PDB file of N, CA and C in Angstrom:
ATOM      1  N   VAL A   1       4.211   5.270  16.104  1.00  0.00           N
ATOM      2  CA  VAL A   1       5.557   5.746  15.813  1.00  0.00           C
ATOM      3  C   VAL A   1       5.807   5.616  14.310  1.00  0.00           C
ATOM      4  N   GLN A   2       6.337   6.678  13.741  1.00  0.00           N
ATOM      5  CA  GLN A   2       6.710   6.637  12.329  1.00  0.00           C
ATOM      6  C   GLN A   2       8.163   7.021  12.164  1.00  0.00           C
ATOM      7  N   LEU A   3       8.841   6.279  11.287  1.00  0.00           N
ATOM      8  CA  LEU A   3      10.232   6.544  10.962  1.00  0.00           C
ATOM      9  C   LEU A   3      10.312   6.788   9.470  1.00  0.00           C
ATOM     10  N   GLN A   4      10.726   7.969   9.077  1.00  0.00           N
ATOM     11  CA  GLN A   4      10.757   8.317   7.661  1.00  0.00           C
ATOM     12  C   GLN A   4      12.183   8.635   7.234  1.00  0.00           C
ATOM     13  N   ALA A   5      12.776   7.703   6.526  1.00  0.00           N
ATOM     14  CA  ALA A   5      14.135   7.887   6.028  1.00  0.00           C
ATOM     15  C   ALA A   5      14.095   8.549   4.660  1.00  0.00           C
ATOM     16  N   SER A   6      15.062   9.413   4.401  1.00  0.00           N
ATOM     17  CA  SER A   6      15.128  10.101   3.120  1.00  0.00           C
ATOM     18  C   SER A   6      16.574  10.477   2.817  1.00  0.00           C
ATOM     19  N   GLY A   7      16.796  10.966   1.598  1.00  0.00           N
ATOM     20  CA  GLY A   7      18.114  11.447   1.219  1.00  0.00           C
ATOM     21  C   GLY A   7      18.922  10.494   0.360  1.00  0.00           C
ATOM     22  N   GLY A   8      18.396   9.321   0.107  1.00  0.00           N
ATOM     23  CA  GLY A   8      19.114   8.357  -0.721  1.00  0.00           C
ATOM     24  C   GLY A   8      19.144   8.780  -2.178  1.00  0.00           C
ATOM     25  N   GLY A   9      19.904   8.043  -2.952  1.00  0.00           N
ATOM     26  CA  GLY A   9      20.018   8.331  -4.370  1.00  0.00           C
ATOM     27  C   GLY A   9      21.254   7.683  -4.952  1.00  0.00           C
ATOM     28  N   LEU A  10      21.644   8.165  -6.111  1.00  0.00           N
ATOM     29  CA  LEU A  10      22.829   7.657  -6.788  1.00  0.00           C
ATOM     30  C   LEU A  10      24.021   8.552  -6.460  1.00  0.00           C
ATOM     31  N   VAL A  11      25.102   7.945  -6.042  1.00  0.00           N
ATOM     32  CA  VAL A  11      26.309   8.698  -5.704  1.00  0.00           C
ATOM     33  C   VAL A  11      27.517   7.929  -6.224  1.00  0.00           C
ATOM     34  N   GLN A  12      28.531   8.663  -6.613  1.00  0.00           N
ATOM     35  CA  GLN A  12      29.752   8.027  -7.101  1.00  0.00           C
ATOM     36  C   GLN A  12      30.731   7.804  -5.960  1.00  0.00           C
ATOM     37  N   THR A  13      31.559   6.824  -6.125  1.00  0.00           N
ATOM     38  CA  THR A  13      32.652   6.603  -5.184  1.00  0.00           C
ATOM     39  C   THR A  13      33.452   7.895  -5.047  1.00  0.00           C
ATOM     40  N   GLY A  14      33.749   8.249  -3.803  1.00  0.00           N
ATOM     41  CA  GLY A  14      34.470   9.488  -3.559  1.00  0.00           C
ATOM     42  C   GLY A  14      33.572  10.670  -3.299  1.00  0.00           C
ATOM     43  N   GLY A  15      32.282  10.497  -3.521  1.00  0.00           N
ATOM     44  CA  GLY A  15      31.335  11.567  -3.274  1.00  0.00           C
ATOM     45  C   GLY A  15      30.860  11.555  -1.837  1.00  0.00           C
ATOM     46  N   SER A  16      29.721  12.184  -1.594  1.00  0.00           N
ATOM     47  CA  SER A  16      29.145  12.179  -0.260  1.00  0.00           C
ATOM     48  C   SER A  16      27.634  12.267  -0.359  1.00  0.00           C
ATOM     49  N   LEU A  17      26.993  11.828   0.704  1.00  0.00           N
ATOM     50  CA  LEU A  17      25.539  11.812   0.754  1.00  0.00           C
ATOM     51  C   LEU A  17      25.148  11.907   2.224  1.00  0.00           C
ATOM     52  N   ARG A  18      24.065  12.596   2.523  1.00  0.00           N
ATOM     53  CA  ARG A  18      23.571  12.641   3.889  1.00  0.00           C
ATOM     54  C   ARG A  18      22.138  12.131   3.929  1.00  0.00           C
ATOM     55  N   LEU A  19      21.940  11.116   4.720  1.00  0.00           N
ATOM     56  CA  LEU A  19      20.615  10.555   4.929  1.00  0.00           C
ATOM     57  C   LEU A  19      19.985  11.174   6.174  1.00  0.00           C
ATOM     58  N   SER A  20      18.679  11.309   6.137  1.00  0.00           N
ATOM     59  CA  SER A  20      17.926  11.816   7.280  1.00  0.00           C
ATOM     60  C   SER A  20      16.864  10.810   7.663  1.00  0.00           C
ATOM     61  N   CYS A  21      16.553  10.778   8.934  1.00  0.00           N
ATOM     62  CA  CYS A  21      15.449   9.957   9.417  1.00  0.00           C
ATOM     63  C   CYS A  21      14.660  10.788  10.414  1.00  0.00           C
ATOM     64  N   HIS A  22      13.472  11.179   9.989  1.00  0.00           N
ATOM     65  CA  HIS A  22      12.607  11.954  10.874  1.00  0.00           C
ATOM     66  C   HIS A  22      11.695  11.002  11.628  1.00  0.00           C
ATOM     67  N   THR A  23      11.575  11.213  12.915  1.00  0.00           N
ATOM     68  CA  THR A  23      10.716  10.367  13.726  1.00  0.00           C
ATOM     69  C   THR A  23       9.518  11.169  14.220  1.00  0.00           C
ATOM     70  N   SER A  24       8.403  10.476  14.380  1.00  0.00           N
ATOM     71  CA  SER A  24       7.226  11.104  14.962  1.00  0.00           C
ATOM     72  C   SER A  24       6.538  10.095  15.866  1.00  0.00           C
ATOM     73  N   GLY A  25       5.892  10.618  16.902  1.00  0.00           N
ATOM     74  CA  GLY A  25       5.216   9.746  17.846  1.00  0.00           C
ATOM     75  C   GLY A  25       6.158   9.021  18.776  1.00  0.00           C
ATOM     76  N   LEU A  26       7.361   9.543  18.915  1.00  0.00           N
ATOM     77  CA  LEU A  26       8.395   8.874  19.704  1.00  0.00           C
ATOM     78  C   LEU A  26       8.999   9.858  20.685  1.00  0.00           C
ATOM     79  N   ALA A  27       9.244   9.384  21.897  1.00  0.00           N
ATOM     80  CA  ALA A  27       9.971  10.204  22.865  1.00  0.00           C
ATOM     81  C   ALA A  27      11.439  10.191  22.458  1.00  0.00           C
ATOM     82  N   PHE A  28      11.741  10.994  21.449  1.00  0.00           N
ATOM     83  CA  PHE A  28      13.035  10.913  20.755  1.00  0.00           C
ATOM     84  C   PHE A  28      14.213  11.046  21.711  1.00  0.00           C
ATOM     85  N   SER A  29      14.091  11.959  22.639  1.00  0.00           N
ATOM     86  CA  SER A  29      15.228  12.231  23.519  1.00  0.00           C
ATOM     87  C   SER A  29      15.563  11.058  24.430  1.00  0.00           C
ATOM     88  N   LEU A  30      14.650  10.110  24.550  1.00  0.00           N
ATOM     89  CA  LEU A  30      14.869   8.975  25.452  1.00  0.00           C
ATOM     90  C   LEU A  30      15.428   7.748  24.741  1.00  0.00           C
ATOM     91  N   HIS A  31      15.495   7.813  23.409  1.00  0.00           N
ATOM     92  CA  HIS A  31      15.878   6.628  22.646  1.00  0.00           C
ATOM     93  C   HIS A  31      17.268   6.745  22.052  1.00  0.00           C
ATOM     94  N   SER A  32      17.990   5.644  22.136  1.00  0.00           N
ATOM     95  CA  SER A  32      19.176   5.499  21.315  1.00  0.00           C
ATOM     96  C   SER A  32      18.690   5.082  19.929  1.00  0.00           C
ATOM     97  N   MET A  33      19.217   5.718  18.897  1.00  0.00           N
ATOM     98  CA  MET A  33      18.761   5.473  17.531  1.00  0.00           C
ATOM     99  C   MET A  33      19.895   4.921  16.690  1.00  0.00           C
ATOM    100  N   ALA A  34      19.528   4.289  15.582  1.00  0.00           N
ATOM    101  CA  ALA A  34      20.546   3.646  14.761  1.00  0.00           C
ATOM    102  C   ALA A  34      20.142   3.598  13.301  1.00  0.00           C
ATOM    103  N   TRP A  35      21.136   3.412  12.485  1.00  0.00           N
ATOM    104  CA  TRP A  35      20.959   3.144  11.062  1.00  0.00           C
ATOM    105  C   TRP A  35      21.338   1.690  10.791  1.00  0.00           C
ATOM    106  N   PHE A  36      20.565   1.089   9.913  1.00  0.00           N
ATOM    107  CA  PHE A  36      20.817  -0.259   9.441  1.00  0.00           C
ATOM    108  C   PHE A  36      20.740  -0.234   7.922  1.00  0.00           C
ATOM    109  N   ARG A  37      21.217  -1.287   7.292  1.00  0.00           N
ATOM    110  CA  ARG A  37      21.109  -1.346   5.842  1.00  0.00           C
ATOM    111  C   ARG A  37      20.913  -2.790   5.387  1.00  0.00           C
ATOM    112  N   GLN A  38      20.317  -2.917   4.230  1.00  0.00           N
ATOM    113  CA  GLN A  38      20.094  -4.245   3.668  1.00  0.00           C
ATOM    114  C   GLN A  38      20.391  -4.206   2.180  1.00  0.00           C
ATOM    115  N   ALA A  39      21.418  -4.929   1.797  1.00  0.00           N
ATOM    116  CA  ALA A  39      21.775  -5.039   0.389  1.00  0.00           C
ATOM    117  C   ALA A  39      20.950  -6.165  -0.237  1.00  0.00           C
ATOM    118  N   PRO A  40      20.782  -6.136  -1.543  1.00  0.00           N
ATOM    119  CA  PRO A  40      19.997  -7.179  -2.212  1.00  0.00           C
ATOM    120  C   PRO A  40      20.505  -8.582  -1.885  1.00  0.00           C
ATOM    121  N   GLY A  41      19.605  -9.443  -1.467  1.00  0.00           N
ATOM    122  CA  GLY A  41      19.958 -10.819  -1.180  1.00  0.00           C
ATOM    123  C   GLY A  41      20.703 -11.037   0.116  1.00  0.00           C
ATOM    124  N   GLN A  42      20.848  -9.984   0.916  1.00  0.00           N
ATOM    125  CA  GLN A  42      21.575 -10.101   2.180  1.00  0.00           C
ATOM    126  C   GLN A  42      20.684  -9.716   3.357  1.00  0.00           C
ATOM    127  N   GLN A  43      21.140 -10.086   4.533  1.00  0.00           N
ATOM    128  CA  GLN A  43      20.409  -9.735   5.744  1.00  0.00           C
ATOM    129  C   GLN A  43      20.665  -8.280   6.110  1.00  0.00           C
ATOM    130  N   ARG A  44      19.741  -7.740   6.832  1.00  0.00           N
ATOM    131  CA  ARG A  44      19.897  -6.383   7.325  1.00  0.00           C
ATOM    132  C   ARG A  44      21.060  -6.352   8.322  1.00  0.00           C
ATOM    133  N   GLU A  45      21.859  -5.301   8.257  1.00  0.00           N
ATOM    134  CA  GLU A  45      23.011  -5.210   9.157  1.00  0.00           C
ATOM    135  C   GLU A  45      23.106  -3.833   9.789  1.00  0.00           C
ATOM    136  N   PHE A  46      23.766  -3.803  10.897  1.00  0.00           N
ATOM    137  CA  PHE A  46      23.986  -2.565  11.654  1.00  0.00           C
ATOM    138  C   PHE A  46      24.992  -1.675  10.940  1.00  0.00           C
ATOM    139  N   VAL A  47      24.725  -0.363  10.962  1.00  0.00           N
ATOM    140  CA  VAL A  47      25.657   0.601  10.380  1.00  0.00           C
ATOM    141  C   VAL A  47      26.217   1.539  11.445  1.00  0.00           C
ATOM    142  N   ALA A  48      25.331   2.172  12.203  1.00  0.00           N
ATOM    143  CA  ALA A  48      25.788   3.149  13.197  1.00  0.00           C
ATOM    144  C   ALA A  48      24.674   3.407  14.195  1.00  0.00           C
ATOM    145  N   SER A  49      25.065   3.785  15.401  1.00  0.00           N
ATOM    146  CA  SER A  49      24.088   4.122  16.422  1.00  0.00           C
ATOM    147  C   SER A  49      24.547   5.344  17.199  1.00  0.00           C
ATOM    148  N   ILE A  50      23.586   6.001  17.818  1.00  0.00           N
ATOM    149  CA  ILE A  50      23.891   7.166  18.641  1.00  0.00           C
ATOM    150  C   ILE A  50      22.998   7.133  19.860  1.00  0.00           C
ATOM    151  N   ARG A  51      23.617   7.297  21.018  1.00  0.00           N
ATOM    152  CA  ARG A  51      22.876   7.306  22.266  1.00  0.00           C
ATOM    153  C   ARG A  51      22.368   8.717  22.545  1.00  0.00           C
ATOM    154  N   LYS A  52      21.483   8.807  23.504  1.00  0.00           N
ATOM    155  CA  LYS A  52      20.926  10.119  23.834  1.00  0.00           C
ATOM    156  C   LYS A  52      21.983  11.058  24.368  1.00  0.00           C
ATOM    157  N   GLY A  53      23.115  10.518  24.839  1.00  0.00           N
ATOM    158  CA  GLY A  53      24.203  11.368  25.271  1.00  0.00           C
ATOM    159  C   GLY A  53      25.182  11.673  24.159  1.00  0.00           C
ATOM    160  N   ASP A  54      24.815  11.343  22.926  1.00  0.00           N
ATOM    161  CA  ASP A  54      25.609  11.578  21.720  1.00  0.00           C
ATOM    162  C   ASP A  54      26.829  10.669  21.601  1.00  0.00           C
ATOM    163  N   ASP A  55      26.897   9.605  22.401  1.00  0.00           N
ATOM    164  CA  ASP A  55      27.922   8.588  22.188  1.00  0.00           C
ATOM    165  C   ASP A  55      27.554   7.814  20.935  1.00  0.00           C
ATOM    166  N   THR A  56      28.527   7.561  20.085  1.00  0.00           N
ATOM    167  CA  THR A  56      28.241   6.883  18.830  1.00  0.00           C
ATOM    168  C   THR A  56      29.005   5.568  18.716  1.00  0.00           C
ATOM    169  N   ARG A  57      28.453   4.683  17.922  1.00  0.00           N
ATOM    170  CA  ARG A  57      29.136   3.423  17.593  1.00  0.00           C
ATOM    171  C   ARG A  57      28.983   3.228  16.088  1.00  0.00           C
ATOM    172  N   ILE A  58      30.085   2.891  15.443  1.00  0.00           N
ATOM    173  CA  ILE A  58      30.104   2.787  13.985  1.00  0.00           C
ATOM    174  C   ILE A  58      30.591   1.396  13.597  1.00  0.00           C
ATOM    175  N   ALA A  59      29.924   0.777  12.639  1.00  0.00           N
ATOM    176  CA  ALA A  59      30.352  -0.532  12.158  1.00  0.00           C
ATOM    177  C   ALA A  59      31.743  -0.425  11.534  1.00  0.00           C
ATOM    178  N   ASP A  60      32.538  -1.466  11.709  1.00  0.00           N
ATOM    179  CA  ASP A  60      33.900  -1.451  11.191  1.00  0.00           C
ATOM    180  C   ASP A  60      33.931  -1.229   9.681  1.00  0.00           C
ATOM    181  N   SER A  61      32.935  -1.735   8.986  1.00  0.00           N
ATOM    182  CA  SER A  61      32.924  -1.650   7.522  1.00  0.00           C
ATOM    183  C   SER A  61      32.800  -0.214   7.004  1.00  0.00           C
ATOM    184  N   VAL A  62      32.315   0.692   7.833  1.00  0.00           N
ATOM    185  CA  VAL A  62      32.132   2.083   7.400  1.00  0.00           C
ATOM    186  C   VAL A  62      32.874   3.075   8.289  1.00  0.00           C
ATOM    187  N   LYS A  63      33.594   2.578   9.252  1.00  0.00           N
ATOM    188  CA  LYS A  63      34.314   3.450  10.179  1.00  0.00           C
ATOM    189  C   LYS A  63      35.303   4.319   9.421  1.00  0.00           C
ATOM    190  N   GLY A  64      35.321   5.599   9.790  1.00  0.00           N
ATOM    191  CA  GLY A  64      36.211   6.535   9.111  1.00  0.00           C
ATOM    192  C   GLY A  64      35.602   7.166   7.880  1.00  0.00           C
ATOM    193  N   ARG A  65      34.455   6.642   7.436  1.00  0.00           N
ATOM    194  CA  ARG A  65      33.794   7.193   6.251  1.00  0.00           C
ATOM    195  C   ARG A  65      32.390   7.699   6.573  1.00  0.00           C
ATOM    196  N   PHE A  66      31.691   7.018   7.454  1.00  0.00           N
ATOM    197  CA  PHE A  66      30.323   7.393   7.822  1.00  0.00           C
ATOM    198  C   PHE A  66      30.304   7.950   9.242  1.00  0.00           C
ATOM    199  N   SER A  67      29.383   8.848   9.487  1.00  0.00           N
ATOM    200  CA  SER A  67      29.176   9.346  10.845  1.00  0.00           C
ATOM    201  C   SER A  67      27.679   9.533  11.072  1.00  0.00           C
ATOM    202  N   ILE A  68      27.291   9.472  12.338  1.00  0.00           N
ATOM    203  CA  ILE A  68      25.888   9.595  12.713  1.00  0.00           C
ATOM    204  C   ILE A  68      25.745  10.774  13.656  1.00  0.00           C
ATOM    205  N   SER A  69      24.638  11.467  13.536  1.00  0.00           N
ATOM    206  CA  SER A  69      24.358  12.580  14.428  1.00  0.00           C
ATOM    207  C   SER A  69      22.852  12.665  14.643  1.00  0.00           C
ATOM    208  N   ARG A  70      22.465  13.500  15.601  1.00  0.00           N
ATOM    209  CA  ARG A  70      21.043  13.645  15.883  1.00  0.00           C
ATOM    210  C   ARG A  70      20.722  15.097  16.191  1.00  0.00           C
ATOM    211  N   ASP A  71      19.505  15.478  15.896  1.00  0.00           N
ATOM    212  CA  ASP A  71      18.994  16.812  16.210  1.00  0.00           C
ATOM    213  C   ASP A  71      17.732  16.621  17.026  1.00  0.00           C
ATOM    214  N   GLY A  72      17.840  16.865  18.330  1.00  0.00           N
ATOM    215  CA  GLY A  72      16.703  16.650  19.215  1.00  0.00           C
ATOM    216  C   GLY A  72      15.555  17.599  18.946  1.00  0.00           C
ATOM    217  N   ASN A  73      15.861  18.779  18.466  1.00  0.00           N
ATOM    218  CA  ASN A  73      14.800  19.743  18.169  1.00  0.00           C
ATOM    219  C   ASN A  73      13.970  19.315  16.970  1.00  0.00           C
ATOM    220  N   ALA A  74      14.597  18.599  16.063  1.00  0.00           N
ATOM    221  CA  ALA A  74      13.916  18.170  14.844  1.00  0.00           C
ATOM    222  C   ALA A  74      13.487  16.704  14.902  1.00  0.00           C
ATOM    223  N   ASN A  75      13.787  16.034  16.038  1.00  0.00           N
ATOM    224  CA  ASN A  75      13.472  14.600  16.155  1.00  0.00           C
ATOM    225  C   ASN A  75      14.004  13.812  14.958  1.00  0.00           C
ATOM    226  N   THR A  76      15.230  14.105  14.602  1.00  0.00           N
ATOM    227  CA  THR A  76      15.809  13.538  13.389  1.00  0.00           C
ATOM    228  C   THR A  76      17.227  13.044  13.648  1.00  0.00           C
ATOM    229  N   ILE A  77      17.564  11.931  13.027  1.00  0.00           N
ATOM    230  CA  ILE A  77      18.953  11.486  13.027  1.00  0.00           C
ATOM    231  C   ILE A  77      19.465  11.547  11.593  1.00  0.00           C
ATOM    232  N   TYR A  78      20.776  11.611  11.486  1.00  0.00           N
ATOM    233  CA  TYR A  78      21.417  11.751  10.179  1.00  0.00           C
ATOM    234  C   TYR A  78      22.527  10.705  10.026  1.00  0.00           C
ATOM    235  N   LEU A  79      22.782  10.358   8.791  1.00  0.00           N
ATOM    236  CA  LEU A  79      23.932   9.527   8.480  1.00  0.00           C
ATOM    237  C   LEU A  79      24.713  10.228   7.375  1.00  0.00           C
ATOM    238  N   GLN A  80      25.887  10.714   7.727  1.00  0.00           N
ATOM    239  CA  GLN A  80      26.757  11.348   6.750  1.00  0.00           C
ATOM    240  C   GLN A  80      27.638  10.271   6.130  1.00  0.00           C
ATOM    241  N   MET A  81      27.512  10.133   4.824  1.00  0.00           N
ATOM    242  CA  MET A  81      28.255   9.106   4.101  1.00  0.00           C
ATOM    243  C   MET A  81      29.308   9.800   3.243  1.00  0.00           C
ATOM    244  N   ASN A  82      30.562   9.650   3.622  1.00  0.00           N
ATOM    245  CA  ASN A  82      31.667  10.218   2.845  1.00  0.00           C
ATOM    246  C   ASN A  82      32.442   9.082   2.183  1.00  0.00           C
ATOM    247  N   ASN A  83      32.916   9.339   0.985  1.00  0.00           N
ATOM    248  CA  ASN A  83      33.666   8.338   0.225  1.00  0.00           C
ATOM    249  C   ASN A  83      32.981   6.979   0.224  1.00  0.00           C
ATOM    250  N   PRO A  84      31.731   6.921  -0.160  1.00  0.00           N
ATOM    251  CA  PRO A  84      31.055   5.623  -0.192  1.00  0.00           C
ATOM    252  C   PRO A  84      31.669   4.717  -1.252  1.00  0.00           C
ATOM    253  N   LYS A  85      31.467   3.430  -1.061  1.00  0.00           N
ATOM    254  CA  LYS A  85      31.989   2.421  -1.975  1.00  0.00           C
ATOM    255  C   LYS A  85      30.825   1.645  -2.585  1.00  0.00           C
ATOM    256  N   PRO A  86      31.038   0.977  -3.699  1.00  0.00           N
ATOM    257  CA  PRO A  86      29.942   0.202  -4.306  1.00  0.00           C
ATOM    258  C   PRO A  86      29.315  -0.798  -3.329  1.00  0.00           C
ATOM    259  N   GLU A  87      30.116  -1.344  -2.422  1.00  0.00           N
ATOM    260  CA  GLU A  87      29.569  -2.308  -1.462  1.00  0.00           C
ATOM    261  C   GLU A  87      28.682  -1.665  -0.403  1.00  0.00           C
ATOM    262  N   ASP A  88      28.585  -0.345  -0.406  1.00  0.00           N
ATOM    263  CA  ASP A  88      27.665   0.353   0.488  1.00  0.00           C
ATOM    264  C   ASP A  88      26.270   0.469  -0.129  1.00  0.00           C
ATOM    265  N   THR A  89      26.109   0.023  -1.350  1.00  0.00           N
ATOM    266  CA  THR A  89      24.798   0.047  -2.001  1.00  0.00           C
ATOM    267  C   THR A  89      23.814  -0.812  -1.219  1.00  0.00           C
ATOM    268  N   ALA A  90      22.705  -0.204  -0.828  1.00  0.00           N
ATOM    269  CA  ALA A  90      21.728  -0.904   0.010  1.00  0.00           C
ATOM    270  C   ALA A  90      20.537   0.011   0.252  1.00  0.00           C
ATOM    271  N   VAL A  91      19.501  -0.554   0.822  1.00  0.00           N
ATOM    272  CA  VAL A  91      18.415   0.252   1.373  1.00  0.00           C
ATOM    273  C   VAL A  91      18.778   0.533   2.821  1.00  0.00           C
ATOM    274  N   TYR A  92      18.758   1.788   3.190  1.00  0.00           N
ATOM    275  CA  TYR A  92      19.129   2.215   4.530  1.00  0.00           C
ATOM    276  C   TYR A  92      17.873   2.516   5.340  1.00  0.00           C
ATOM    277  N   TYR A  93      17.857   1.989   6.563  1.00  0.00           N
ATOM    278  CA  TYR A  93      16.730   2.139   7.466  1.00  0.00           C
ATOM    279  C   TYR A  93      17.205   2.731   8.786  1.00  0.00           C
ATOM    280  N   CYS A  94      16.290   3.409   9.452  1.00  0.00           N
ATOM    281  CA  CYS A  94      16.572   3.823  10.824  1.00  0.00           C
ATOM    282  C   CYS A  94      15.625   3.078  11.751  1.00  0.00           C
ATOM    283  N   ASN A  95      16.030   2.965  12.986  1.00  0.00           N
ATOM    284  CA  ASN A  95      15.219   2.314  14.015  1.00  0.00           C
ATOM    285  C   ASN A  95      15.839   2.659  15.350  1.00  0.00           C
ATOM    286  N   GLY A  96      15.171   2.262  16.408  1.00  0.00           N
ATOM    287  CA  GLY A  96      15.816   2.350  17.693  1.00  0.00           C
ATOM    288  C   GLY A  96      17.008   1.407  17.695  1.00  0.00           C
ATOM    289  N   ALA A  97      17.952   1.665  18.535  1.00  0.00           N
ATOM    290  CA  ALA A  97      19.166   0.853  18.549  1.00  0.00           C
ATOM    291  C   ALA A  97      18.869  -0.617  18.848  1.00  0.00           C
ATOM    292  N   LYS A  98      17.798  -0.880  19.542  1.00  0.00           N
ATOM    293  CA  LYS A  98      17.423  -2.264  19.846  1.00  0.00           C
ATOM    294  C   LYS A  98      16.412  -2.817  18.843  1.00  0.00           C
ATOM    295  N   GLN A  99      16.145  -2.054  17.784  1.00  0.00           N
ATOM    296  CA  GLN A  99      15.280  -2.507  16.690  1.00  0.00           C
ATOM    297  C   GLN A  99      13.889  -2.894  17.178  1.00  0.00           C
ATOM    298  N   THR A 100      13.366  -2.157  18.128  1.00  0.00           N
ATOM    299  CA  THR A 100      12.060  -2.498  18.675  1.00  0.00           C
ATOM    300  C   THR A 100      10.919  -1.717  18.028  1.00  0.00           C
ATOM    301  N   LEU A 101      11.245  -0.775  17.168  1.00  0.00           N
ATOM    302  CA  LEU A 101      10.214   0.031  16.524  1.00  0.00           C
ATOM    303  C   LEU A 101       9.829  -0.583  15.180  1.00  0.00           C
ATOM    304  N   SER A 102       8.679  -0.213  14.672  1.00  0.00           N
ATOM    305  CA  SER A 102       8.261  -0.703  13.358  1.00  0.00           C
ATOM    306  C   SER A 102       9.162  -0.112  12.281  1.00  0.00           C
ATOM    307  N   TRP A 103       9.571  -0.927  11.349  1.00  0.00           N
ATOM    308  CA  TRP A 103      10.462  -0.469  10.305  1.00  0.00           C
ATOM    309  C   TRP A 103       9.724   0.414   9.303  1.00  0.00           C
ATOM    310  N   GLY A 104      10.368   1.481   8.912  1.00  0.00           N
ATOM    311  CA  GLY A 104       9.846   2.304   7.836  1.00  0.00           C
ATOM    312  C   GLY A 104      10.258   1.707   6.496  1.00  0.00           C
ATOM    313  N   GLN A 105      10.061   2.452   5.420  1.00  0.00           N
ATOM    314  CA  GLN A 105      10.346   1.892   4.102  1.00  0.00           C
ATOM    315  C   GLN A 105      11.803   2.049   3.685  1.00  0.00           C
ATOM    316  N   GLY A 106      12.568   2.812   4.394  1.00  0.00           N
ATOM    317  CA  GLY A 106      13.975   2.950   4.054  1.00  0.00           C
ATOM    318  C   GLY A 106      14.211   3.871   2.872  1.00  0.00           C
ATOM    319  N   THR A 107      15.487   4.101   2.604  1.00  0.00           N
ATOM    320  CA  THR A 107      15.866   4.927   1.469  1.00  0.00           C
ATOM    321  C   THR A 107      17.020   4.239   0.737  1.00  0.00           C
ATOM    322  N   LEU A 108      16.907   4.156  -0.578  1.00  0.00           N
ATOM    323  CA  LEU A 108      17.867   3.409  -1.382  1.00  0.00           C
ATOM    324  C   LEU A 108      19.081   4.265  -1.712  1.00  0.00           C
ATOM    325  N   VAL A 109      20.254   3.709  -1.443  1.00  0.00           N
ATOM    326  CA  VAL A 109      21.511   4.340  -1.817  1.00  0.00           C
ATOM    327  C   VAL A 109      22.215   3.435  -2.817  1.00  0.00           C
ATOM    328  N   THR A 110      22.567   4.000  -3.947  1.00  0.00           N
ATOM    329  CA  THR A 110      23.286   3.259  -4.974  1.00  0.00           C
ATOM    330  C   THR A 110      24.614   3.962  -5.222  1.00  0.00           C
ATOM    331  N   VAL A 111      25.697   3.219  -5.053  1.00  0.00           N
ATOM    332  CA  VAL A 111      27.026   3.789  -5.220  1.00  0.00           C
ATOM    333  C   VAL A 111      27.643   3.218  -6.481  1.00  0.00           C
ATOM    334  N   SER A 112      28.027   4.089  -7.379  1.00  0.00           N
ATOM    335  CA  SER A 112      28.652   3.650  -8.623  1.00  0.00           C
ATOM    336  C   SER A 112      30.149   3.919  -8.574  1.00  0.00           C
ATOM    337  N   SER A 113      30.893   3.042  -9.228  1.00  0.00           N
ATOM    338  CA  SER A 113      32.361   3.187  -9.227  1.00  0.00           C
ATOM    339  C   SER A 113      32.827   4.068 -10.363  1.00  0.00           C
TER     340      SER A 113
END
């Protein structure tokens, strides 16, 4: 199983960014998927998840600003980041919602004020 996150970069507060995570070697339609993030010196934390029925759960810290979606045809999940804040700066990773898959390298998001 491979998880390839992409789309990170430098974004200003008030801007937007969309992250993608392409999966391969995974029965994508059977898995609930999620985004996590890890800021420097901090533990990895949950950001958002989406079930195979498209039910979503969003962390309180990003609720109303971030959304998660999935494309079953492309075996890809997305994280739409609207109005990011400097405290959203982190490396963003995707994984199964239960974090049972091998972690990919993530994608770095840097938010400037």
